[in-house]
């Protein structure tokens, strides 16, 4: 695929397009998505969607997307909260990880 990122998660949207969401684990660190209109033969890399952008390098990724209504997407993903915020955490949260989500709309 002409997309850099991992791991991918694919769903077929109500429009028939295939949505691939993935973690982009290099600058700019982000959760991204891209569409295919021909069952994954080609991908619209001219219109890569940034679902969520992080402030810098962190342990994150593993997105899963769901179309909650036509054109309305919910993407859940993992993020190490300590690394994402850059703020010190209490010892019991030293390796704190969490599930974050973003609701967004296809344009």
Protein backbone atom coordinates (compact mmCIF):
# COMPACT_ATOMS: atom_id res chain seq x y z
CA UNK A 1 0.00 0.00 0.00
CA UNK A 2 1.19 3.55 -0.62
CA UNK A 3 0.44 4.45 3.02
CA UNK A 4 2.99 4.59 5.84
CA UNK A 5 1.52 3.53 9.16
CA UNK A 6 0.41 0.54 11.18
CA UNK A 7 -1.56 -1.37 12.18
CA UNK A 8 -4.34 -0.77 9.67
CA UNK A 9 -8.04 -1.20 10.41
CA UNK A 10 -10.42 -1.45 7.45
CA UNK A 11 -14.18 -1.01 7.26
CA UNK A 12 -16.64 -0.66 4.41
CA UNK A 13 -18.69 2.50 4.72
CA UNK A 14 -22.37 2.85 3.84
CA UNK A 15 -21.25 4.75 0.72
CA UNK A 16 -19.39 1.64 -0.47
CA UNK A 17 -15.95 3.18 0.08
CA UNK A 18 -13.37 1.37 2.23
CA UNK A 19 -11.89 3.35 5.14
CA UNK A 20 -8.43 2.44 6.42
CA UNK A 21 -7.46 3.98 9.77
CA UNK A 22 -3.89 3.61 11.07
CA UNK A 23 -1.30 4.98 13.48
CA UNK A 24 1.32 7.27 11.90
CA UNK A 25 4.25 6.63 14.25
CA UNK A 26 6.65 9.27 13.02
CA UNK A 27 6.52 13.03 12.61
CA UNK A 28 3.83 14.23 12.58
CA UNK A 29 2.64 11.64 15.14
CA UNK A 30 -1.04 11.07 14.49
CA UNK A 31 -3.98 8.78 13.90
CA UNK A 32 -4.87 8.94 10.22
CA UNK A 33 -7.36 7.55 7.74
CA UNK A 34 -7.54 7.16 3.99
CA UNK A 35 -10.30 6.07 1.60
CA UNK A 36 -10.47 3.64 -1.29
CA UNK A 37 -13.29 3.82 -3.82
CA UNK A 38 -12.33 0.62 -5.69
CA UNK A 39 -12.23 -2.06 -2.98
CA UNK A 40 -8.65 -1.30 -1.93
CA UNK A 41 -7.06 -1.41 -5.37
CA UNK A 42 -6.03 2.25 -5.00
CA UNK A 43 -6.12 4.72 -2.09
CA UNK A 44 -6.90 8.44 -2.12
CA UNK A 45 -3.50 9.50 -0.73
CA UNK A 46 -4.09 13.05 -2.00
CA UNK A 47 -6.68 13.42 0.79
CA UNK A 48 -5.22 11.71 3.87
CA UNK A 49 -7.37 12.47 6.92
CA UNK A 50 -5.72 13.38 10.23
CA UNK A 51 -8.13 12.03 12.85
CA UNK A 52 -6.00 13.13 15.82
CA UNK A 53 -2.54 14.77 16.04
CA UNK A 54 -0.22 14.27 19.03
CA UNK A 55 2.20 16.92 20.32
CA UNK A 56 5.19 14.68 19.67
CA UNK A 57 6.48 11.13 19.82
CA UNK A 58 4.49 8.79 22.06
CA UNK A 59 3.34 5.21 22.37
CA UNK A 60 0.06 5.21 20.47
CA UNK A 61 -1.88 3.58 17.68
CA UNK A 62 -4.11 0.56 17.12
CA UNK A 63 -7.07 2.56 15.79
CA UNK A 64 -10.46 0.98 15.21
CA UNK A 65 -13.15 2.90 13.33
CA UNK A 66 -16.92 2.56 13.17
CA UNK A 67 -19.43 4.42 11.02
CA UNK A 68 -22.07 5.45 13.57
CA UNK A 69 -24.25 7.24 10.98
CA UNK A 70 -23.65 7.71 7.25
CA UNK A 71 -20.46 9.78 6.95
CA UNK A 72 -20.02 10.07 10.75
CA UNK A 73 -17.07 8.08 12.08
CA UNK A 74 -15.94 7.18 15.60
CA UNK A 75 -12.29 6.15 15.83
CA UNK A 76 -10.94 4.68 19.09
CA UNK A 77 -7.18 4.29 19.63
CA UNK A 78 -4.60 3.53 22.30
CA UNK A 79 -2.27 6.12 23.78
CA UNK A 80 0.21 6.06 26.66
CA UNK A 81 -1.24 8.99 28.60
CA UNK A 82 2.01 9.81 30.42
CA UNK A 83 3.90 10.21 27.16
CA UNK A 84 1.12 12.09 25.42
CA UNK A 85 0.80 14.80 28.05
CA UNK A 86 4.48 15.00 29.00
CA UNK A 87 3.44 15.65 32.61
CA UNK A 88 4.73 13.56 35.52
CA UNK A 89 2.28 10.94 36.74
CA UNK A 90 2.03 9.32 40.18
CA UNK A 91 4.10 6.12 40.45
CA UNK A 92 1.02 3.90 40.19
CA UNK A 93 0.28 5.45 36.78
CA UNK A 94 3.85 5.22 35.54
CA UNK A 95 2.87 3.02 32.60
CA UNK A 96 -0.63 4.42 32.29
CA UNK A 97 -2.24 3.68 28.99
CA UNK A 98 -5.68 4.53 27.88
CA UNK A 99 -8.22 4.38 25.12
CA UNK A 100 -9.04 7.69 23.49
CA UNK A 101 -11.58 8.37 20.76
CA UNK A 102 -12.42 11.00 18.18
CA UNK A 103 -15.76 11.52 16.43
CA UNK A 104 -15.38 13.05 13.00
CA UNK A 105 -17.27 13.58 9.75
CA UNK A 106 -16.23 12.74 6.21
CA UNK A 107 -16.27 15.78 3.96
